[in-house]
Every structure is written in C-alpha cells, then in structure tokens.
C-alpha cells in the first residue's frame, strides 16, 4: 500500500441527468447557508459589532459576495464531470492535492469547537448537570455530537438527512431573526446601521491587536470560507445534479457533447440560483445578527466571548418574545452550531475516504459504507478529545487561519482546473468563459490582498 502520485485517468463519458425542476433541484445552497450560520454569522460578526460597533460592517458584503464565483465554479465542475473537486485538484497536480488534503485535515481537526460553542447555548438553557459553565457546555456539546454521530452511522442517505436538518434550521433562524429586527424599539438604529454598510464609521473603542485573528476569521467565514467551501462539491453530487457519477469516482463528461448545451444551461442556471441562495441568504441573516448585536448588546456593553459565544445572543429573541424567545434562540443557536458538526463530519469523512482511496488504495475494492462509518467513529473521537482542550473561540480561529492558507491555494488551482484541464476537453459551447475566469481571478486577488494586509499588520503591528 504505497503512495500513488499518478494523475486520475482522462475524463470518460457519462449520462447527463434531466433537470428536475427548480423545487427538486435546489438544496445544496440551503445546506451551505445553514452551515455558514454556525460560524461567522453567529459568532464573530456579532462579536465585532458588539465590541466595536459598525466600524467593520462595510467589509461584510464584499467578504460574502467574493465567495460566489468560487462556490459556483466548484458546483459547476462537479455537475459537469460527476467527480468531486478534490479529484479535480489531483488533475491539476497530485502532489498539490496531497498537500491540500493534509492542510484540510489540520484545519478541521478542531471542528468539534462548533459543537462546544453550541453547548454554551444549551448550558444556559438547561441548568444541569451541576458543573461550571465550561463543564456544562462541554457536557451538552458531547450529547449533541453523540446524537448527530448516531444519525450519521445509522443513515443510508446522509445527504438527505443533512438537507432536511439544514432546511429546518435555516427557516427557523430566518423567521426568528426577521421578527426580532422588526421590533419597533429598534427602528431608530436602522439608519446608522444601513449607512455603515457603505460609509464606515469610527470604532466604538480602540482596536485590540488580539482581535486581528478574529477579524480575519470573521472575513474568511463570512459565508462559508476556508475548506468548508469545497464541501459544496459533495452536496452537488449528493443532490444528483448534472452528470451521473462513475462508481470509481473518476470524472465523466456529458456523452451528448455539444448537443447537451441546452440542458447544461438549465443546470448552470440552477447552480447560479442555488449557490446564490447560500451566499445572499447567509449575507442577509448575518446582517440581521450584526444589527441585533449593535442595537442590543453594544449599548449594554455585552461582548459574547469564550464560553458565552452563543448564549449572550439569546437576548435577540428575548426582545421579541420574552423568556420563550430566549429559550427558542438558545435551542436554535445550539442546533445550527451543532449542525455545523453534523455536516462537517459528513463531508470531512467523505474527503478522507476519497483521498485515502485515491492515493493509497486506487486498485483495491473498499466497502464505501463501512469505511464511512469507521471514519465517522474516528472523527467523533478526535473532535471530542480536541474540544476539551481549550475554549471554542481560539480553536475556531486556528481553524480559520490554516483554512485561509488553503483558500489561496485552492482558488488558484480552481482557475487552472476549470480553464486549463476541463475546458479543452469540452465542446466550445460548454466551456467556462471569460466572465467566469475574470470573476475567479477577482476572488483570488481579493484573498491575496487580505493575506498581504494580515501579514503587514503582523509584521508592522
């Protein structure tokens, strides 16, 4: 069982599924949106607005929208080839794919921290067991992970389970936040908030250099940043979009060639809308949590941090519905922080299995379902151990910093994959065009500028 660094075989030919209609086709974007709610949306952007006011708010919309071309390109690649974007990166360079995989493994070693952040909400809701805040949060986080891990181990079609959970979380969250921001007593705060989206005001307090990593995390996770973005590929495949995958996992192009152009066009429009649901929906809900942090937490001097990351935001729903609203928010917060663990564990397991199979077991048969269950058990054990090591904030920041390095690499590789590997194998009518190339290059330029700015602050101080 040696390391095999040979590239995948050339693209084969496969069946392009018919477009099932808008209602049946959409779904990965909802998973994307709900997963994003458990990172920057609930944690770091409200933290920044509660601590510094609206000084950084103008960065939120660009940080979300810059991910749209990347997310769409990832989904388009998997829909057109029936293979994951990870297999595509191996076509760019197997060695690069191997390094990227190892970076992902390091970055997401601590994703149990999202469950422990969700545990902070449950710990405030249920005054049991009789531990301190940290102990009670870790207890409820462990219970949540046990429930979700059991669901993954018992389920046969895990994408369907994940999509249903994410739909429920997204709908409840949007409705609850919408009712909260519409409260009459908050109307006076809206003009200042909306103005800050375009014209940044001064910070409410001097910037703490210790928050540089958190600011980078907020920007990176505004939406679904870092390696999480690549998971969209598996959700597109799980949903059954585009070309039917081969059992080997190797890519296949539409067998109809240029004759499939109208159908490919329908799938492309479907992906634009689906990825847009994730991007725009997440932007709107993030704006609502930022508004509530500015209007409610900032005037009271409350900064959600450490073992109260989610718990303090219960005041959002409490304003609208009193004690019942507070309880509802804590349940929702726990759900969409812990469902981050659910969907991440599923996707990470699939990446690891595919990469192990590609690099070490390419010519051997493996029972995919059995391997998946074994990987879920391993990831459950690892994340439970790591989440007991520190409070959730630093773990999430560390994951973002490693993930940001990976983002620079995989966005550049995505450009090569789409326009140097895939495009020559497609008929002219199906090839990604100059607009796609320009948008991807713009995203890469934005991430590069952010990296330079971050390093400059580190060096210059």
Protein backbone atom coordinates (compact mmCIF):
# COMPACT_ATOMS: atom_id res chain seq x y z
CA UNK A 1 0.00 0.00 0.00
CA UNK A 2 2.32 2.72 -1.28
CA UNK A 3 1.71 6.36 -2.13
CA UNK A 4 0.48 6.75 -5.72
CA UNK A 5 1.06 10.24 -7.16
CA UNK A 6 -0.08 9.47 -10.69
CA UNK A 7 -2.96 11.63 -12.00
CA UNK A 8 -6.51 10.36 -12.49
CA UNK A 9 -7.40 8.81 -15.88
CA UNK A 10 -8.76 11.08 -18.64
CA UNK A 11 -12.41 12.07 -18.44
CA UNK A 12 -14.81 9.41 -19.65
CA UNK A 13 -18.34 9.86 -20.93
CA UNK A 14 -21.43 9.81 -18.75
CA UNK A 15 -25.17 10.38 -18.70
CA UNK A 16 -26.36 13.95 -18.06
CA UNK A 17 -29.43 13.79 -15.84
CA UNK A 18 -32.52 15.76 -16.91
CA UNK A 19 -33.18 18.96 -14.99
CA UNK A 20 -35.90 18.01 -12.45
CA UNK A 21 -37.39 21.47 -11.98
CA UNK A 22 -36.46 24.24 -9.60
CA UNK A 23 -38.06 22.87 -6.46
CA UNK A 24 -36.37 19.48 -6.80
CA UNK A 25 -33.01 20.84 -7.97
CA UNK A 26 -32.31 23.30 -5.16
CA UNK A 27 -30.88 22.21 -1.83
CA UNK A 28 -27.06 22.38 -1.57
CA UNK A 29 -27.33 26.16 -1.22
CA UNK A 30 -29.59 25.73 1.82
CA UNK A 31 -27.04 23.35 3.35
CA UNK A 32 -24.36 25.94 2.57
CA UNK A 33 -26.41 28.72 4.18
CA UNK A 34 -27.26 26.80 7.35
CA UNK A 35 -23.68 25.58 7.80
CA UNK A 36 -22.41 29.13 7.43
CA UNK A 37 -24.85 30.24 10.15
CA UNK A 38 -22.85 28.19 12.63
CA UNK A 39 -19.57 30.00 12.05
CA UNK A 40 -19.10 33.69 11.24
CA UNK A 41 -22.80 34.51 11.34
CA UNK A 42 -23.49 33.61 14.95
CA UNK A 43 -20.03 34.05 16.43
CA UNK A 44 -17.55 36.56 15.06
CA UNK A 45 -19.56 39.22 13.25
CA UNK A 46 -21.87 39.75 16.25
CA UNK A 47 -18.75 39.77 18.44
CA UNK A 48 -17.17 42.54 16.35
CA UNK A 49 -20.37 44.61 16.24
CA UNK A 50 -20.98 44.19 19.96
CA UNK A 51 -17.42 45.23 20.78
CA UNK A 52 -16.50 47.81 18.13
CA UNK A 53 -19.83 48.98 16.75
CA UNK A 54 -20.22 49.29 12.98
CA UNK A 55 -16.64 50.13 12.02
CA UNK A 56 -16.03 46.83 10.22
CA UNK A 57 -19.51 46.30 8.79
CA UNK A 58 -18.61 47.62 5.32
CA UNK A 59 -16.38 44.53 4.87
CA UNK A 60 -19.24 42.06 5.34
CA UNK A 61 -20.98 42.21 1.95
CA UNK A 62 -17.74 42.06 -0.10
CA UNK A 63 -16.48 39.18 2.07
CA UNK A 64 -19.66 37.21 1.35
CA UNK A 65 -20.01 38.05 -2.34
CA UNK A 66 -16.38 37.30 -3.20
CA UNK A 67 -17.14 33.65 -2.45
CA UNK A 68 -19.94 33.38 -5.01
CA UNK A 69 -17.75 32.81 -8.11
CA UNK A 70 -15.69 30.24 -6.20
CA UNK A 71 -18.72 28.36 -4.90
CA UNK A 72 -20.41 28.37 -8.30
CA UNK A 73 -17.24 27.15 -10.04
CA UNK A 74 -16.91 24.27 -7.56
CA UNK A 75 -20.52 23.23 -8.10
CA UNK A 76 -20.28 23.63 -11.87
CA UNK A 77 -17.21 21.41 -12.02
CA UNK A 78 -18.88 18.57 -10.11
CA UNK A 79 -22.13 18.89 -12.08
CA UNK A 80 -20.27 18.78 -15.40
CA UNK A 81 -17.94 15.89 -14.52
CA UNK A 82 -19.68 13.83 -11.84
CA UNK A 83 -16.49 13.89 -9.75
CA UNK A 84 -15.56 15.84 -6.64
CA UNK A 85 -13.45 18.96 -6.90
CA UNK A 86 -10.81 17.12 -4.86
CA UNK A 87 -10.38 14.61 -7.68
CA UNK A 88 -10.18 17.62 -9.96
CA UNK A 89 -7.31 19.09 -7.94
CA UNK A 90 -5.46 15.81 -8.44
CA UNK A 91 -5.76 16.51 -12.18
CA UNK A 92 -4.01 19.83 -11.63
CA UNK A 93 -1.27 18.16 -9.57
CA UNK A 94 -1.48 15.05 -7.39
CA UNK A 95 1.25 16.45 -5.13
CA UNK A 96 -0.68 19.70 -4.68
CA UNK A 97 -3.85 17.74 -3.91
CA UNK A 98 -1.98 15.73 -1.28
CA UNK A 99 -0.66 18.86 0.44
CA UNK A 100 -4.09 20.50 0.28
CA UNK A 101 -5.66 17.40 1.84
CA UNK A 102 -3.15 17.46 4.70
CA UNK A 103 -3.85 21.16 5.26
CA UNK A 104 -7.57 20.44 5.37
CA UNK A 105 -7.01 17.65 7.88
CA UNK A 106 -5.05 20.05 10.11
CA UNK A 107 -7.54 22.89 9.70
CA UNK A 108 -10.60 20.79 10.52
CA UNK A 109 -9.05 18.80 13.34
CA UNK A 110 -10.79 21.20 15.73
CA UNK A 111 -14.24 21.42 14.17
CA UNK A 112 -15.69 19.97 17.39
CA UNK A 113 -15.27 23.52 18.69
CA UNK A 114 -18.51 24.47 16.92
CA UNK A 115 -20.32 21.83 18.94
CA UNK A 116 -18.79 23.17 22.15
CA UNK A 117 -19.92 26.67 21.14
CA UNK A 118 -23.40 25.21 20.67
CA UNK A 119 -23.05 23.64 24.09
CA UNK A 120 -22.73 27.12 25.59
CA UNK A 121 -26.30 27.81 24.44
CA UNK A 122 -27.70 24.57 25.84
CA UNK A 123 -25.81 25.16 29.10
CA UNK A 124 -27.69 28.45 29.54
CA UNK A 125 -31.00 26.83 28.67
CA UNK A 126 -30.70 23.76 30.93
CA UNK A 127 -29.23 24.36 34.37
CA UNK A 128 -27.97 20.80 34.60
CA UNK A 129 -25.69 18.96 35.28
CA UNK A 130 -24.29 20.84 38.29
CA UNK A 131 -20.99 21.85 36.64
CA UNK A 132 -19.47 25.25 35.96
CA UNK A 133 -20.25 26.99 32.64
CA UNK A 134 -17.40 25.26 30.83
CA UNK A 135 -18.20 21.81 32.15
CA UNK A 136 -21.90 22.10 31.41
CA UNK A 137 -21.22 23.42 27.89
CA UNK A 138 -18.88 20.52 27.15
CA UNK A 139 -21.40 18.04 28.52
CA UNK A 140 -24.18 19.26 26.22
CA UNK A 141 -21.79 19.50 23.28
CA UNK A 142 -20.86 15.86 23.82
CA UNK A 143 -24.54 14.88 23.96
CA UNK A 144 -25.21 16.76 20.72
CA UNK A 145 -22.29 15.08 18.96
CA UNK A 146 -23.45 11.67 20.17
CA UNK A 147 -26.93 12.27 18.71
CA UNK A 148 -25.66 13.50 15.35
CA UNK A 149 -22.97 10.84 15.08
CA UNK A 150 -25.59 8.15 15.70
CA UNK A 151 -27.76 9.62 12.95
CA UNK A 152 -24.84 9.53 10.51
CA UNK A 153 -23.94 5.97 11.44
CA UNK A 154 -27.50 4.70 11.06
CA UNK A 155 -28.47 6.63 7.94
CA UNK A 156 -28.15 5.23 4.44
CA UNK A 157 -28.59 8.50 2.53
CA UNK A 158 -26.79 11.05 4.68
CA UNK A 159 -27.16 13.95 2.23
CA UNK A 160 -30.95 13.74 2.55
CA UNK A 161 -30.69 13.80 6.35
CA UNK A 162 -28.35 16.78 6.29
CA UNK A 163 -30.52 18.75 3.86
CA UNK A 164 -33.65 18.22 5.98
CA UNK A 165 -31.87 19.32 9.17
CA UNK A 166 -30.42 22.36 7.42
CA UNK A 167 -33.77 23.38 5.92
CA UNK A 168 -35.36 23.33 9.38
CA UNK A 169 -32.52 25.29 10.99
CA UNK A 170 -32.38 27.88 8.20
CA UNK A 171 -36.14 28.53 8.16
CA UNK A 172 -36.48 28.89 11.94
CA UNK A 173 -33.42 31.13 12.10
CA UNK A 174 -34.55 33.47 9.34
CA UNK A 175 -38.06 33.80 10.78
CA UNK A 176 -36.82 34.37 14.32
CA UNK A 177 -34.24 36.95 13.31
CA UNK A 178 -36.71 38.68 10.99
CA UNK A 179 -39.24 39.13 13.79
CA UNK A 180 -36.53 40.37 16.16
CA UNK A 181 -35.07 43.04 13.86
CA UNK A 182 -38.58 44.34 13.07
CA UNK A 183 -39.25 45.32 16.70
CA UNK A 184 -40.47 48.96 16.91
CA UNK A 185 -37.99 49.87 19.65
CA UNK A 186 -35.08 49.09 17.32
CA UNK A 187 -36.19 51.23 14.38
CA UNK A 188 -34.08 54.21 15.41
CA UNK A 189 -30.90 52.15 14.94
CA UNK A 190 -31.58 51.26 11.29
CA UNK A 191 -30.40 54.47 9.52
CA UNK A 192 -26.98 54.39 11.19
CA UNK A 193 -26.66 50.66 10.53
CA UNK A 194 -27.54 50.92 6.82
CA UNK A 195 -25.24 53.89 6.33
CA UNK A 196 -22.35 51.91 7.82
CA UNK A 197 -22.68 49.29 5.06
CA UNK A 198 -21.24 51.88 2.66
CA UNK A 199 -19.53 54.52 4.80
CA UNK A 200 -17.59 53.02 7.72
CA UNK A 201 -17.86 54.99 10.97
CA UNK A 202 -15.16 55.09 13.61
CA UNK A 203 -14.74 52.19 16.01
CA UNK A 204 -16.66 52.34 19.28
CA UNK A 205 -13.42 51.57 21.12
CA UNK A 206 -9.72 51.31 20.19
CA UNK A 207 -8.94 48.15 18.25
CA UNK A 208 -7.39 45.39 20.31
CA UNK A 209 -4.47 43.78 18.39
CA UNK A 210 -5.51 40.46 19.94
CA UNK A 211 -8.62 40.62 17.71
CA UNK A 212 -6.68 40.58 14.42
CA UNK A 213 -7.11 36.83 14.08
CA UNK A 214 -10.80 37.13 14.92
CA UNK A 215 -11.28 39.81 12.28
CA UNK A 216 -9.61 37.56 9.70
CA UNK A 217 -11.81 34.68 10.88
CA UNK A 218 -14.94 36.83 10.50
CA UNK A 219 -14.00 37.81 6.96
CA UNK A 220 -12.93 34.28 6.00
CA UNK A 221 -16.08 32.75 7.50
CA UNK A 222 -18.44 35.45 6.17
CA UNK A 223 -20.47 32.90 4.35
CA UNK A 224 -18.67 29.60 4.23
CA UNK A 225 -14.95 30.21 3.96
CA UNK A 226 -11.87 28.07 4.00
CA UNK A 227 -12.10 24.37 3.26
CA UNK A 228 -15.84 24.37 4.01
CA UNK A 229 -16.38 25.96 0.59
CA UNK A 230 -15.11 22.77 -1.08
CA UNK A 231 -17.83 20.72 0.57
CA UNK A 232 -20.32 22.26 -1.85
CA UNK A 233 -18.92 19.79 -4.39
CA UNK A 234 -20.12 16.80 -2.32
CA UNK A 235 -23.55 18.34 -1.76
CA UNK A 236 -23.98 18.86 -5.51
CA UNK A 237 -23.05 15.21 -6.08
CA UNK A 238 -25.26 14.07 -3.21
CA UNK A 239 -28.20 16.02 -4.62
CA UNK A 240 -27.77 14.36 -8.00
CA UNK A 241 -27.03 17.43 -10.09
CA UNK A 242 -25.62 17.15 -13.60
CA UNK A 243 -23.64 14.13 -14.82
CA UNK A 244 -24.21 10.81 -13.12
CA UNK A 245 -21.01 9.87 -11.21
CA UNK A 246 -18.93 6.79 -12.03
CA UNK A 247 -18.53 4.15 -9.34
CA UNK A 248 -14.77 4.72 -9.41
CA UNK A 249 -15.22 8.42 -8.65
CA UNK A 250 -13.39 9.45 -11.83
CA UNK A 251 -14.88 12.22 -13.92
CA UNK A 252 -17.13 11.76 -16.93
CA UNK A 253 -18.21 14.47 -19.36
CA UNK A 254 -21.72 14.67 -20.89
CA UNK A 255 -21.90 11.97 -23.54
CA UNK A 256 -24.07 14.14 -25.76
CA UNK A 257 -21.32 16.72 -26.13
CA UNK A 258 -22.43 19.94 -27.76
CA UNK A 259 -25.96 18.57 -28.06
CA UNK A 260 -26.28 18.77 -24.29
CA UNK A 261 -25.74 22.54 -24.30
CA UNK A 262 -29.40 23.48 -23.55
CA UNK A 263 -29.58 21.01 -20.66
CA UNK A 264 -26.19 22.13 -19.33
CA UNK A 265 -27.53 25.69 -19.50
CA UNK A 266 -30.50 24.76 -17.30
CA UNK A 267 -28.22 23.10 -14.77
CA UNK A 268 -25.91 26.12 -14.86
CA UNK A 269 -28.79 28.50 -14.11
CA UNK A 270 -29.89 26.15 -11.35
CA UNK A 271 -26.42 26.29 -9.80
CA UNK A 272 -26.32 30.08 -10.03
CA UNK A 273 -29.60 30.29 -8.11
CA UNK A 274 -28.70 27.53 -5.65
CA UNK A 275 -25.28 28.96 -4.79
CA UNK A 276 -26.87 32.41 -4.65
CA UNK A 277 -29.35 31.19 -2.04
CA UNK A 278 -26.42 30.19 0.11
CA UNK A 279 -24.45 33.41 -0.43
CA UNK A 280 -27.25 36.00 -0.35
CA UNK A 281 -29.31 34.19 2.29
CA UNK A 282 -26.32 33.99 4.57
CA UNK A 283 -25.47 37.64 3.97
CA UNK A 284 -28.98 38.74 4.96
CA UNK A 285 -29.06 36.66 8.14
CA UNK A 286 -25.55 37.78 9.08
CA UNK A 287 -26.66 41.39 8.65
CA UNK A 288 -29.58 40.71 10.99
CA UNK A 289 -27.35 39.25 13.72
CA UNK A 290 -24.96 42.18 13.31
CA UNK A 291 -27.84 44.64 13.63
CA UNK A 292 -29.09 42.95 16.79
CA UNK A 293 -25.60 42.91 18.28
CA UNK A 294 -25.24 46.62 17.51
CA UNK A 295 -28.71 47.59 18.74
CA UNK A 296 -28.94 45.32 21.80
CA UNK A 297 -25.55 44.08 23.00
CA UNK A 298 -23.37 47.14 22.31
CA UNK A 299 -25.46 49.61 24.38
CA UNK A 300 -25.32 47.18 27.31
CA UNK A 301 -21.59 46.61 26.99
CA UNK A 302 -22.10 42.87 26.40
CA UNK A 303 -19.43 41.15 24.28
CA UNK A 304 -20.15 37.45 23.54
CA UNK A 305 -16.90 35.60 24.04
CA UNK A 306 -15.34 32.33 25.15
CA UNK A 307 -17.90 30.12 26.90
CA UNK A 308 -20.72 32.59 26.22
CA UNK A 309 -20.25 32.80 22.44
CA UNK A 310 -23.84 31.82 21.65
CA UNK A 311 -25.52 32.32 24.99
CA UNK A 312 -25.47 36.14 25.07
CA UNK A 313 -27.21 36.37 21.70
CA UNK A 314 -30.31 34.86 23.31
CA UNK A 315 -31.21 38.46 24.03
CA UNK A 316 -32.02 38.79 20.30
CA UNK A 317 -35.13 36.60 20.51
CA UNK A 318 -35.83 37.56 24.14
CA UNK A 319 -36.54 41.10 22.97
CA UNK A 320 -39.30 39.85 20.68
CA UNK A 321 -40.85 37.03 22.71
CA UNK A 322 -39.58 37.32 26.27
CA UNK A 323 -38.46 34.19 28.11
CA UNK A 324 -39.95 31.91 25.48
CA UNK A 325 -37.99 33.74 22.79
CA UNK A 326 -34.80 33.37 24.77
CA UNK A 327 -35.35 29.63 25.06
CA UNK A 328 -36.15 29.34 21.34
CA UNK A 329 -32.99 31.21 20.41
CA UNK A 330 -30.82 29.03 22.63
CA UNK A 331 -32.26 25.91 21.03
CA UNK A 332 -31.76 27.34 17.52
CA UNK A 333 -28.24 28.52 18.35
CA UNK A 334 -27.33 25.10 19.67
CA UNK A 335 -28.88 23.48 16.60
CA UNK A 336 -27.06 25.49 13.97
CA UNK A 337 -23.75 25.36 15.80
CA UNK A 338 -24.04 21.63 16.34
CA UNK A 339 -25.33 21.03 12.80
CA UNK A 340 -22.04 22.55 11.71
CA UNK A 341 -20.51 19.47 13.28
CA UNK A 342 -23.03 17.20 11.55
CA UNK A 343 -22.44 18.45 8.01
CA UNK A 344 -18.71 18.95 8.53
CA UNK A 345 -18.20 15.45 9.92
CA UNK A 346 -20.04 14.00 6.93
CA UNK A 347 -18.04 15.99 4.37
CA UNK A 348 -14.67 15.51 6.07
CA UNK A 349 -15.29 11.76 6.24
CA UNK A 350 -16.02 11.71 2.51
CA UNK A 351 -12.89 13.72 1.67
CA UNK A 352 -10.66 11.48 3.77
CA UNK A 353 -12.12 8.30 2.29
CA UNK A 354 -11.75 9.59 -1.27
CA UNK A 355 -8.18 10.78 -0.72
CA UNK A 356 -7.10 7.58 1.04
CA UNK A 357 -8.65 5.57 -1.76
CA UNK A 358 -7.04 7.74 -4.45
CA UNK A 359 -3.53 7.95 -3.03
CA UNK A 360 -3.18 4.54 -1.36
CA UNK A 361 -5.93 2.11 -2.44
CA UNK A 362 -6.59 3.04 -6.05
CA UNK A 363 -6.67 -0.52 -7.38
CA UNK A 364 -8.43 -2.11 -4.42
CA UNK A 365 -12.09 -2.59 -3.65
CA UNK A 366 -13.30 -0.95 -0.45
CA UNK A 367 -16.74 -1.03 1.12
CA UNK A 368 -17.60 2.69 0.99
CA UNK A 369 -20.38 2.48 3.57
CA UNK A 370 -18.26 0.54 6.03
CA UNK A 371 -15.33 2.91 5.53
CA UNK A 372 -17.67 5.88 6.04
CA UNK A 373 -18.92 4.54 9.36
CA UNK A 374 -15.39 3.85 10.54
CA UNK A 375 -14.33 7.38 9.61
CA UNK A 376 -17.29 8.93 11.45
CA UNK A 377 -16.29 7.00 14.58
CA UNK A 378 -12.70 8.23 14.26
CA UNK A 379 -13.74 11.85 13.66
CA UNK A 380 -16.16 11.73 16.58
CA UNK A 381 -13.40 10.56 18.88
CA UNK A 382 -10.90 13.12 17.63
CA UNK A 383 -13.28 16.08 17.84
CA UNK A 384 -14.48 15.19 21.33
CA UNK A 385 -10.87 14.97 22.55
CA UNK A 386 -9.82 18.24 20.90
CA UNK A 387 -12.82 20.25 22.06
CA UNK A 388 -11.92 19.50 25.69
CA UNK A 389 -8.50 21.06 25.14
CA UNK A 390 -9.46 24.74 25.01
CA UNK A 391 -12.40 27.11 24.87
CA UNK A 392 -14.09 27.24 21.43
CA UNK A 393 -13.02 30.70 20.27
CA UNK A 394 -9.27 30.06 19.78
CA UNK A 395 -9.95 26.66 18.20
CA UNK A 396 -12.25 28.22 15.60
CA UNK A 397 -9.73 31.00 14.92
CA UNK A 398 -6.90 28.48 14.47
CA UNK A 399 -9.02 26.51 12.02
CA UNK A 400 -9.70 29.70 10.04
CA UNK A 401 -6.03 30.69 9.85
CA UNK A 402 -5.00 27.32 8.43
CA UNK A 403 -8.04 27.30 6.17
CA UNK A 404 -7.16 30.73 4.80
CA UNK A 405 -3.80 29.45 3.58
CA UNK A 406 -5.61 26.59 1.87
CA UNK A 407 -8.10 29.01 0.31
CA UNK A 408 -5.38 30.90 -1.53
CA UNK A 409 -4.07 27.62 -2.91
CA UNK A 410 -7.33 26.03 -3.96
CA UNK A 411 -8.77 29.16 -5.61
CA UNK A 412 -5.65 29.36 -7.79
CA UNK A 413 -5.91 25.62 -8.51
CA UNK A 414 -9.60 26.02 -9.37
CA UNK A 415 -8.71 28.53 -12.08
CA UNK A 416 -6.22 26.08 -13.60
CA UNK A 417 -8.68 23.20 -13.26
CA UNK A 418 -11.57 25.00 -14.96
CA UNK A 419 -9.68 26.74 -17.74
CA UNK A 420 -6.64 24.52 -18.41
CA UNK A 421 -7.82 21.00 -17.60
CA UNK A 422 -11.59 20.90 -18.07
CA UNK A 423 -12.18 23.48 -20.81
CA UNK A 424 -10.02 21.81 -23.52
CA UNK A 425 -11.92 18.52 -23.01
CA UNK A 426 -15.33 20.18 -23.53
CA UNK A 427 -17.08 21.32 -26.70
CA UNK A 428 -16.82 25.08 -27.17
CA UNK A 429 -20.49 25.51 -26.19
CA UNK A 430 -19.92 24.03 -22.73
CA UNK A 431 -16.62 25.66 -21.79
CA UNK A 432 -16.40 28.20 -18.96
CA UNK A 433 -15.94 31.65 -20.48
CA UNK A 434 -14.03 34.83 -19.82
CA UNK A 435 -16.58 36.12 -17.32
CA UNK A 436 -16.05 33.04 -15.16
CA UNK A 437 -12.27 33.45 -15.44
CA UNK A 438 -12.44 37.14 -14.56
CA UNK A 439 -14.63 36.57 -11.51
CA UNK A 440 -12.42 33.77 -10.20
CA UNK A 441 -9.32 35.90 -10.69
CA UNK A 442 -11.07 38.72 -8.84
CA UNK A 443 -11.78 36.41 -5.91
CA UNK A 444 -8.16 35.27 -5.87
CA UNK A 445 -6.97 38.90 -5.94
CA UNK A 446 -9.25 39.75 -3.01
CA UNK A 447 -7.99 36.84 -0.90
CA UNK A 448 -4.39 37.69 -1.78
CA UNK A 449 -4.89 41.33 -0.75
CA UNK A 450 -6.43 40.20 2.52
CA UNK A 451 -3.47 37.89 3.19
CA UNK A 452 -0.99 40.69 2.48
CA UNK A 453 -2.89 43.08 4.76
CA UNK A 454 -2.97 40.49 7.54
CA UNK A 455 0.77 39.76 7.25
CA UNK A 456 1.50 43.50 7.17
CA UNK A 457 -0.33 44.04 10.46
CA UNK A 458 1.58 41.11 11.95
CA UNK A 459 4.97 42.47 10.88
CA UNK A 460 4.39 46.20 11.35
CA UNK A 461 1.97 45.84 14.27
